[in-house]
Structures are given as C-alpha cells and as structure tokens.
Amino acid sequence: MSEGSESGSGEDPTDYGAENWEDPMTGAVPKSELPDEIVEEVPHWTDDPYFDRVGDRLMYNYTLERDHRLRGERWDLYGEMRVLNQKQFFHPALSYGDHESEEFLYARRVTRPTVGELKRLVELGHDLADERVTANEEHYRTDFTFVLVADELPEEVRSFVEGQRERTLLKYGYYGHYEVNLGVVVPDEQVAVAGEAADVVEAFVLWEDVTQPEEGVLSRLAKRFWK
C-alpha cells in the first residue's frame, strides 16, 4: 500500500464494536468461529473496538501484544512476524539457502500526527535495527513499521508519508537489508496513507477489502517475504 486510501463518504464514523459489523475482507472468519486455542493467544482490545478488529486481521501472521512499552513510550498494538525461507532439494534434510525475514509492528493512537514525530520514528527504527538485526548470510529482510491511528490527516503529513521508503542495505545487500516504514490511518474519516513498503497498513483499513482491487495483504506479505 503506497498511496492514500479514502472513502469520502461523509457518513458518521463506523461503530467497529457493533455486533452487526462485518469485515469486508474476502474470506474473513469471525473470531467467534475460530478454535479456542487460537483465540486464547490473541489479546483483546476491549476498550478500543477498532484495534480489536485490526487484531483480528493480523492474528494469522503476527504474534500480537497490547499496551506494549518501548523506551518509555506506550504502543496500543505491537506485533512480530518471523518467516524462514528454506530451499530444499528432494528431502527436508537436504536444505540450503536459508533466509530469515521478520517484521516489528508498532501502532498507537494520536490526536494530530506531525512530520517531526514521523521523522523521530524513522530514527527510532534505525536505532532498533542497530540493536536487533543480525547481519549475516542468513538474514534477508527486517521491517520496522510504525502506524499512527489519528483523528486527522494534515496535508504535510500525507505528503511526507505517501511513497516514503527508508531502505538500508547491509554489506551492500550481501547480508540483506532492513526497512523503516510509516503509515497514518484516520478511521473516523476512512482515510489512510502509507509508505511504499508498508503493506501491513492495509490491515488497518477496515472499510476496504484488502484483496480488492489489488492483491490482499496476506498474499502480498507472502510474496514479499518468500520471493
């Protein structure tokens, strides 16, 4: 998701906590129909129905946590996804070319985002990369994604985020690379903007089917990490 998304409906804000709300995502399975062992591992945002619905979309691919603390800052939602791409000959024991990919996702509510805050988050992403990325031949990609759920989307913020990409090659790409991604979502106005590589922001756009008109978030993530 690299461009802004908006409905422009002008209608009242959607009540994501309503019992009759249905996720427009194709193939979405209500949490009530999932096995207990899956649901029990997913945190509930009982005081924030919007984040609770976003968690429902992310739980298949991310290990989720609520009220996460990072360097003294609180994040409403935190997620981790790790993927190991293993090439094989004819038997799993005969493997080669293992590549590791992972993403660290941070999301929280703010009133009015600013370009200054977003720049600070980009620097935070670089600091986290210095701490967490193990640069070696097995490392392929690490993403640090920050999503702000806001009350409004200032034009200067939209311009800064739209098409944003912060990619750093490690040892000229021989040890893979890492990305720092940004996204801003305004659920009440049904608008969103995301950096060029911030595909996961699609999961926060609850008013759209993430599989239409482009590839869905799950298939895009799979291609991104497994190619």
C-alpha atoms as a PDB file:
ATOM      1  CA  MET A   1       0.000   0.000   0.000  1.00  0.00           C
ATOM      2  CA  SER A   2       1.799   3.114  -1.160  1.00  0.00           C
ATOM      3  CA  GLU A   3      -0.975   5.568  -1.877  1.00  0.00           C
ATOM      4  CA  GLY A   4      -3.653   7.219   0.222  1.00  0.00           C
ATOM      5  CA  SER A   5      -6.927   5.407   0.704  1.00  0.00           C
ATOM      6  CA  GLU A   6     -10.161   7.209   1.414  1.00  0.00           C
ATOM      7  CA  SER A   7     -13.870   6.684   1.075  1.00  0.00           C
ATOM      8  CA  GLY A   8     -15.087  10.266   1.091  1.00  0.00           C
ATOM      9  CA  SER A   9     -18.481   9.026   2.232  1.00  0.00           C
ATOM     10  CA  GLY A  10     -19.158  11.833   4.715  1.00  0.00           C
ATOM     11  CA  GLU A  11     -21.143   9.413   6.863  1.00  0.00           C
ATOM     12  CA  ASP A  12     -20.994   9.053  10.634  1.00  0.00           C
ATOM     13  CA  PRO A  13     -17.951   7.179  11.978  1.00  0.00           C
ATOM     14  CA  THR A  14     -18.288   3.406  11.797  1.00  0.00           C
ATOM     15  CA  ASP A  15     -19.001   1.599  15.053  1.00  0.00           C
ATOM     16  CA  TYR A  16     -16.464  -1.224  14.869  1.00  0.00           C
ATOM     17  CA  GLY A  17     -17.768  -2.606  18.147  1.00  0.00           C
ATOM     18  CA  ALA A  18     -21.259  -3.200  16.780  1.00  0.00           C
ATOM     19  CA  GLU A  19     -22.340  -6.833  16.687  1.00  0.00           C
ATOM     20  CA  ASN A  20     -23.591  -6.457  13.127  1.00  0.00           C
ATOM     21  CA  TRP A  21     -20.303  -5.052  11.798  1.00  0.00           C
ATOM     22  CA  GLU A  22     -18.822  -7.343   9.157  1.00  0.00           C
ATOM     23  CA  ASP A  23     -15.265  -7.270   7.902  1.00  0.00           C
ATOM     24  CA  PRO A  24     -15.307  -6.554   4.150  1.00  0.00           C
ATOM     25  CA  MET A  25     -12.120  -8.600   3.734  1.00  0.00           C
ATOM     26  CA  THR A  26     -12.752 -11.573   1.495  1.00  0.00           C
ATOM     27  CA  GLY A  27     -12.537 -14.827   3.437  1.00  0.00           C
ATOM     28  CA  ALA A  28     -12.589 -13.134   6.843  1.00  0.00           C
ATOM     29  CA  VAL A  29     -13.531 -15.595   9.602  1.00  0.00           C
ATOM     30  CA  PRO A  30     -15.312 -14.178  12.683  1.00  0.00           C
ATOM     31  CA  LYS A  31     -13.345 -14.671  15.876  1.00  0.00           C
ATOM     32  CA  SER A  32     -16.366 -16.474  17.331  1.00  0.00           C
ATOM     33  CA  GLU A  33     -15.910 -19.242  14.751  1.00  0.00           C
ATOM     34  CA  LEU A  34     -12.201 -19.833  15.356  1.00  0.00           C
ATOM     35  CA  PRO A  35     -10.816 -22.622  17.579  1.00  0.00           C
ATOM     36  CA  ASP A  36     -10.374 -21.629  21.216  1.00  0.00           C
ATOM     37  CA  GLU A  37      -6.649 -22.428  21.164  1.00  0.00           C
ATOM     38  CA  ILE A  38      -6.150 -19.734  18.515  1.00  0.00           C
ATOM     39  CA  VAL A  39      -8.353 -17.068  20.070  1.00  0.00           C
ATOM     40  CA  GLU A  40      -6.800 -17.535  23.511  1.00  0.00           C
ATOM     41  CA  GLU A  41      -3.413 -16.448  22.156  1.00  0.00           C
ATOM     42  CA  VAL A  42      -4.794 -13.195  20.737  1.00  0.00           C
ATOM     43  CA  PRO A  43      -5.103 -10.150  23.026  1.00  0.00           C
ATOM     44  CA  HIS A  44      -8.414  -8.301  23.182  1.00  0.00           C
ATOM     45  CA  TRP A  45      -8.704  -4.531  22.934  1.00  0.00           C
ATOM     46  CA  THR A  46     -11.987  -4.393  24.841  1.00  0.00           C
ATOM     47  CA  ASP A  47     -11.759  -0.619  25.252  1.00  0.00           C
ATOM     48  CA  ASP A  48     -10.905   0.015  21.581  1.00  0.00           C
ATOM     49  CA  PRO A  49     -13.057  -1.912  19.065  1.00  0.00           C
ATOM     50  CA  TYR A  50     -11.054  -0.546  16.137  1.00  0.00           C
ATOM     51  CA  PHE A  51      -7.787  -2.088  17.323  1.00  0.00           C
ATOM     52  CA  ASP A  52      -9.660  -5.259  18.240  1.00  0.00           C
ATOM     53  CA  ARG A  53     -10.823  -5.616  14.623  1.00  0.00           C
ATOM     54  CA  VAL A  54      -7.338  -4.863  13.318  1.00  0.00           C
ATOM     55  CA  GLY A  55      -6.003  -7.569  15.619  1.00  0.00           C
ATOM     56  CA  ASP A  56      -8.475 -10.000  14.065  1.00  0.00           C
ATOM     57  CA  ARG A  57      -6.878  -9.349  10.680  1.00  0.00           C
ATOM     58  CA  LEU A  58      -3.307  -9.612  11.911  1.00  0.00           C
ATOM     59  CA  MET A  59      -3.564 -12.623  14.213  1.00  0.00           C
ATOM     60  CA  TYR A  60      -2.945 -15.179  11.453  1.00  0.00           C
ATOM     61  CA  ASN A  61       0.513 -13.785  10.676  1.00  0.00           C
ATOM     62  CA  TYR A  62       1.655 -11.855  13.737  1.00  0.00           C
ATOM     63  CA  THR A  63       2.276 -12.569  17.392  1.00  0.00           C
ATOM     64  CA  LEU A  64       0.353  -9.698  18.966  1.00  0.00           C
ATOM     65  CA  GLU A  65       0.614  -7.759  22.199  1.00  0.00           C
ATOM     66  CA  ARG A  66      -1.352  -4.826  23.603  1.00  0.00           C
ATOM     67  CA  ASP A  67      -0.105  -1.939  25.739  1.00  0.00           C
ATOM     68  CA  HIS A  68       3.483  -2.562  24.677  1.00  0.00           C
ATOM     69  CA  ARG A  69       6.230  -0.394  26.150  1.00  0.00           C
ATOM     70  CA  LEU A  70       9.246   0.653  24.111  1.00  0.00           C
ATOM     71  CA  ARG A  71      11.785   3.059  25.559  1.00  0.00           C
ATOM     72  CA  GLY A  72       9.195   4.635  27.816  1.00  0.00           C
ATOM     73  CA  GLU A  73       6.566   5.001  25.075  1.00  0.00           C
ATOM     74  CA  ARG A  74       3.290   3.101  25.043  1.00  0.00           C
ATOM     75  CA  TRP A  75       2.002   1.414  21.893  1.00  0.00           C
ATOM     76  CA  ASP A  76      -1.603   0.208  21.730  1.00  0.00           C
ATOM     77  CA  LEU A  77      -0.661  -2.677  19.439  1.00  0.00           C
ATOM     78  CA  TYR A  78       2.621  -4.475  18.895  1.00  0.00           C
ATOM     79  CA  GLY A  79       3.206  -7.366  16.538  1.00  0.00           C
ATOM     80  CA  GLU A  80       6.039  -9.608  15.425  1.00  0.00           C
ATOM     81  CA  MET A  81       6.195 -11.790  12.340  1.00  0.00           C
ATOM     82  CA  ARG A  82       9.065 -14.116  11.500  1.00  0.00           C
ATOM     83  CA  VAL A  83       9.466 -16.166   8.352  1.00  0.00           C
ATOM     84  CA  LEU A  84      12.156 -18.687   7.435  1.00  0.00           C
ATOM     85  CA  ASN A  85      12.503 -19.314   3.726  1.00  0.00           C
ATOM     86  CA  GLN A  86      14.198 -22.690   3.304  1.00  0.00           C
ATOM     87  CA  LYS A  87      15.121 -24.105  -0.074  1.00  0.00           C
ATOM     88  CA  GLN A  88      15.235 -27.894  -0.373  1.00  0.00           C
ATOM     89  CA  PHE A  89      16.410 -30.494  -2.845  1.00  0.00           C
ATOM     90  CA  PHE A  90      14.264 -33.637  -2.587  1.00  0.00           C
ATOM     91  CA  HIS A  91      14.099 -34.078   1.170  1.00  0.00           C
ATOM     92  CA  PRO A  92      13.750 -31.595   4.079  1.00  0.00           C
ATOM     93  CA  ALA A  93      17.059 -32.851   5.474  1.00  0.00           C
ATOM     94  CA  LEU A  94      18.798 -31.654   2.313  1.00  0.00           C
ATOM     95  CA  SER A  95      18.188 -27.930   2.697  1.00  0.00           C
ATOM     96  CA  TYR A  96      20.237 -24.928   1.647  1.00  0.00           C
ATOM     97  CA  GLY A  97      19.969 -21.176   1.292  1.00  0.00           C
ATOM     98  CA  ASP A  98      18.002 -20.464   4.487  1.00  0.00           C
ATOM     99  CA  HIS A  99      16.837 -16.847   4.637  1.00  0.00           C
ATOM    100  CA  GLU A 100      15.252 -15.142   7.632  1.00  0.00           C
ATOM    101  CA  SER A 101      12.740 -12.299   7.396  1.00  0.00           C
ATOM    102  CA  GLU A 102      10.898 -10.542  10.190  1.00  0.00           C
ATOM    103  CA  GLU A 103       8.765  -7.517  10.915  1.00  0.00           C
ATOM    104  CA  PHE A 104       8.253  -5.491  14.072  1.00  0.00           C
ATOM    105  CA  LEU A 105       4.964  -3.575  14.024  1.00  0.00           C
ATOM    106  CA  TYR A 106       4.070  -0.688  16.341  1.00  0.00           C
ATOM    107  CA  ALA A 107       0.711   1.112  16.285  1.00  0.00           C
ATOM    108  CA  ARG A 108      -0.905   3.658  18.578  1.00  0.00           C
ATOM    109  CA  ARG A 109      -3.482   6.419  18.675  1.00  0.00           C
ATOM    110  CA  VAL A 110      -2.532  10.076  18.391  1.00  0.00           C
ATOM    111  CA  THR A 111      -4.629  13.205  18.033  1.00  0.00           C
ATOM    112  CA  ARG A 112      -2.750  15.041  15.298  1.00  0.00           C
ATOM    113  CA  PRO A 113       0.371  13.496  13.749  1.00  0.00           C
ATOM    114  CA  THR A 114       3.258  15.726  12.747  1.00  0.00           C
ATOM    115  CA  VAL A 115       6.130  15.396  10.321  1.00  0.00           C
ATOM    116  CA  GLY A 116       8.509  15.903  13.223  1.00  0.00           C
ATOM    117  CA  GLU A 117       7.073  12.928  15.075  1.00  0.00           C
ATOM    118  CA  LEU A 118       7.283  10.751  11.978  1.00  0.00           C
ATOM    119  CA  LYS A 119      10.916  11.704  11.411  1.00  0.00           C
ATOM    120  CA  ARG A 120      11.625  10.767  15.015  1.00  0.00           C
ATOM    121  CA  LEU A 121      10.017   7.369  14.454  1.00  0.00           C
ATOM    122  CA  VAL A 122      12.221   6.801  11.413  1.00  0.00           C
ATOM    123  CA  GLU A 123      15.273   7.456  13.569  1.00  0.00           C
ATOM    124  CA  LEU A 124      13.857   5.116  16.214  1.00  0.00           C
ATOM    125  CA  GLY A 125      13.575   2.439  13.542  1.00  0.00           C
ATOM    126  CA  HIS A 126      17.244   2.844  12.669  1.00  0.00           C
ATOM    127  CA  ASP A 127      18.185   2.599  16.353  1.00  0.00           C
ATOM    128  CA  LEU A 128      16.147  -0.595  16.720  1.00  0.00           C
ATOM    129  CA  ALA A 129      17.813  -2.029  13.629  1.00  0.00           C
ATOM    130  CA  ASP A 130      21.218  -1.466  15.217  1.00  0.00           C
ATOM    131  CA  GLU A 131      20.029  -3.464  18.241  1.00  0.00           C
ATOM    132  CA  ARG A 132      18.025  -6.261  16.643  1.00  0.00           C
ATOM    133  CA  VAL A 133      19.252  -7.011  13.148  1.00  0.00           C
ATOM    134  CA  THR A 134      21.832  -9.772  12.983  1.00  0.00           C
ATOM    135  CA  ALA A 135      23.653  -9.077   9.750  1.00  0.00           C
ATOM    136  CA  ASN A 136      24.809 -12.384   8.295  1.00  0.00           C
ATOM    137  CA  GLU A 137      24.352 -14.543   5.215  1.00  0.00           C
ATOM    138  CA  GLU A 138      21.063 -15.959   6.522  1.00  0.00           C
ATOM    139  CA  HIS A 139      19.447 -12.571   7.049  1.00  0.00           C
ATOM    140  CA  TYR A 140      17.258 -11.403   4.194  1.00  0.00           C
ATOM    141  CA  ARG A 141      14.983  -8.638   5.449  1.00  0.00           C
ATOM    142  CA  THR A 142      13.802  -6.930   8.633  1.00  0.00           C
ATOM    143  CA  ASP A 143      10.994  -4.364   8.719  1.00  0.00           C
ATOM    144  CA  PHE A 144      10.215  -1.826  11.434  1.00  0.00           C
ATOM    145  CA  THR A 145       6.750  -0.422  10.787  1.00  0.00           C
ATOM    146  CA  PHE A 146       5.110   2.423  12.709  1.00  0.00           C
ATOM    147  CA  VAL A 147       1.397   3.140  12.269  1.00  0.00           C
ATOM    148  CA  LEU A 148      -0.302   6.167  13.812  1.00  0.00           C
ATOM    149  CA  VAL A 149      -4.083   5.988  14.197  1.00  0.00           C
ATOM    150  CA  ALA A 150      -5.083   9.634  14.198  1.00  0.00           C
ATOM    151  CA  ASP A 151      -8.056  11.972  14.447  1.00  0.00           C
ATOM    152  CA  GLU A 152      -6.976  13.872  11.349  1.00  0.00           C
ATOM    153  CA  LEU A 153      -4.502  13.711   8.470  1.00  0.00           C
ATOM    154  CA  PRO A 154      -2.705  17.020   7.869  1.00  0.00           C
ATOM    155  CA  GLU A 155      -1.687  17.586   4.265  1.00  0.00           C
ATOM    156  CA  GLU A 156       2.004  17.909   5.132  1.00  0.00           C
ATOM    157  CA  VAL A 157       1.851  14.519   6.862  1.00  0.00           C
ATOM    158  CA  ARG A 158       0.163  12.937   3.859  1.00  0.00           C
ATOM    159  CA  SER A 159       2.859  14.332   1.571  1.00  0.00           C
ATOM    160  CA  PHE A 160       5.643  13.086   3.839  1.00  0.00           C
ATOM    161  CA  VAL A 161       4.291   9.549   4.220  1.00  0.00           C
ATOM    162  CA  GLU A 162       2.977   8.911   0.728  1.00  0.00           C
ATOM    163  CA  GLY A 163       5.594   6.947  -1.156  1.00  0.00           C
ATOM    164  CA  GLN A 164       8.017   7.080   1.796  1.00  0.00           C
ATOM    165  CA  ARG A 165      10.718   4.438   1.813  1.00  0.00           C
ATOM    166  CA  GLU A 166      13.713   4.059   4.117  1.00  0.00           C
ATOM    167  CA  ARG A 167      15.762   1.069   2.990  1.00  0.00           C
ATOM    168  CA  THR A 168      19.248   0.251   4.242  1.00  0.00           C
ATOM    169  CA  LEU A 169      21.442  -2.379   2.594  1.00  0.00           C
ATOM    170  CA  LEU A 170      23.680  -4.403   4.879  1.00  0.00           C
ATOM    171  CA  LYS A 171      27.149  -5.042   3.478  1.00  0.00           C
ATOM    172  CA  TYR A 172      25.956  -3.886   0.045  1.00  0.00           C
ATOM    173  CA  GLY A 173      22.983  -6.237   0.276  1.00  0.00           C
ATOM    174  CA  TYR A 174      25.066  -9.360   0.863  1.00  0.00           C
ATOM    175  CA  TYR A 175      23.589  -9.549   4.380  1.00  0.00           C
ATOM    176  CA  GLY A 176      20.147  -8.478   3.244  1.00  0.00           C
ATOM    177  CA  HIS A 177      18.541  -5.191   4.221  1.00  0.00           C
ATOM    178  CA  TYR A 178      16.151  -3.546   6.636  1.00  0.00           C
ATOM    179  CA  GLU A 179      13.305  -1.100   6.106  1.00  0.00           C
ATOM    180  CA  VAL A 180      11.677   1.554   8.281  1.00  0.00           C
ATOM    181  CA  ASN A 181       8.046   2.012   7.237  1.00  0.00           C
ATOM    182  CA  LEU A 182       5.382   4.574   8.132  1.00  0.00           C
ATOM    183  CA  GLY A 183       1.600   4.673   7.965  1.00  0.00           C
ATOM    184  CA  VAL A 184      -1.131   7.027   9.182  1.00  0.00           C
ATOM    185  CA  VAL A 185      -4.781   5.987   9.407  1.00  0.00           C
ATOM    186  CA  VAL A 186      -7.848   8.088  10.274  1.00  0.00           C
ATOM    187  CA  PRO A 187     -10.657   5.559  10.849  1.00  0.00           C
ATOM    188  CA  ASP A 188     -13.388   8.140  11.524  1.00  0.00           C
ATOM    189  CA  GLU A 189     -12.773   9.766   8.143  1.00  0.00           C
ATOM    190  CA  GLN A 190     -11.867   6.484   6.433  1.00  0.00           C
ATOM    191  CA  VAL A 191      -8.577   7.797   5.062  1.00  0.00           C
ATOM    192  CA  ALA A 192      -5.104   6.292   5.193  1.00  0.00           C
ATOM    193  CA  VAL A 193      -1.663   6.842   3.757  1.00  0.00           C
ATOM    194  CA  ALA A 194       1.339   4.530   3.842  1.00  0.00           C
ATOM    195  CA  GLY A 195       4.926   4.304   2.745  1.00  0.00           C
ATOM    196  CA  GLU A 196       5.888   2.339  -0.336  1.00  0.00           C
ATOM    197  CA  ALA A 197       6.802  -0.834   1.580  1.00  0.00           C
ATOM    198  CA  ALA A 198       4.250  -0.550   4.416  1.00  0.00           C
ATOM    199  CA  ASP A 199       1.961  -3.294   3.095  1.00  0.00           C
ATOM    200  CA  VAL A 200       0.667  -4.189   6.550  1.00  0.00           C
ATOM    201  CA  VAL A 201      -1.185  -0.861   6.755  1.00  0.00           C
ATOM    202  CA  GLU A 202      -3.844  -2.495   4.567  1.00  0.00           C
ATOM    203  CA  ALA A 203      -4.901  -4.448   7.643  1.00  0.00           C
ATOM    204  CA  PHE A 204      -5.743  -1.137   9.350  1.00  0.00           C
ATOM    205  CA  VAL A 205      -8.046  -0.021   6.524  1.00  0.00           C
ATOM    206  CA  LEU A 206     -11.111  -1.780   7.904  1.00  0.00           C
ATOM    207  CA  TRP A 207     -13.506  -0.152   5.452  1.00  0.00           C
ATOM    208  CA  GLU A 208     -11.926  -1.915   2.478  1.00  0.00           C
ATOM    209  CA  ASP A 209     -11.485  -5.480   1.314  1.00  0.00           C
ATOM    210  CA  VAL A 210      -7.707  -5.795   1.305  1.00  0.00           C
ATOM    211  CA  THR A 211      -7.882  -8.241  -1.595  1.00  0.00           C
ATOM    212  CA  GLN A 212      -9.506  -5.685  -3.900  1.00  0.00           C
ATOM    213  CA  PRO A 213      -8.654  -4.048  -6.154  1.00  0.00           C
ATOM    214  CA  GLU A 214      -5.028  -5.049  -5.552  1.00  0.00           C
ATOM    215  CA  GLU A 215      -3.550  -8.177  -4.051  1.00  0.00           C
ATOM    216  CA  GLY A 216      -4.546  -8.750  -0.449  1.00  0.00           C
ATOM    217  CA  VAL A 217      -2.297  -8.121   2.497  1.00  0.00           C
ATOM    218  CA  LEU A 218      -1.747 -11.827   3.121  1.00  0.00           C
ATOM    219  CA  SER A 219      -0.721 -12.714  -0.422  1.00  0.00           C
ATOM    220  CA  ARG A 220       1.420  -9.591  -0.730  1.00  0.00           C
ATOM    221  CA  LEU A 221       3.180 -10.335   2.524  1.00  0.00           C
ATOM    222  CA  ALA A 222       3.769 -13.903   1.425  1.00  0.00           C
ATOM    223  CA  LYS A 223       5.297 -12.781  -1.850  1.00  0.00           C
ATOM    224  CA  ARG A 224       7.341 -10.108  -0.106  1.00  0.00           C
ATOM    225  CA  PHE A 225       8.912 -12.499   2.380  1.00  0.00           C
ATOM    226  CA  TRP A 226       9.091 -15.700   0.357  1.00  0.00           C
ATOM    227  CA  LYS A 227      10.292 -14.496  -3.032  1.00  0.00           C
END
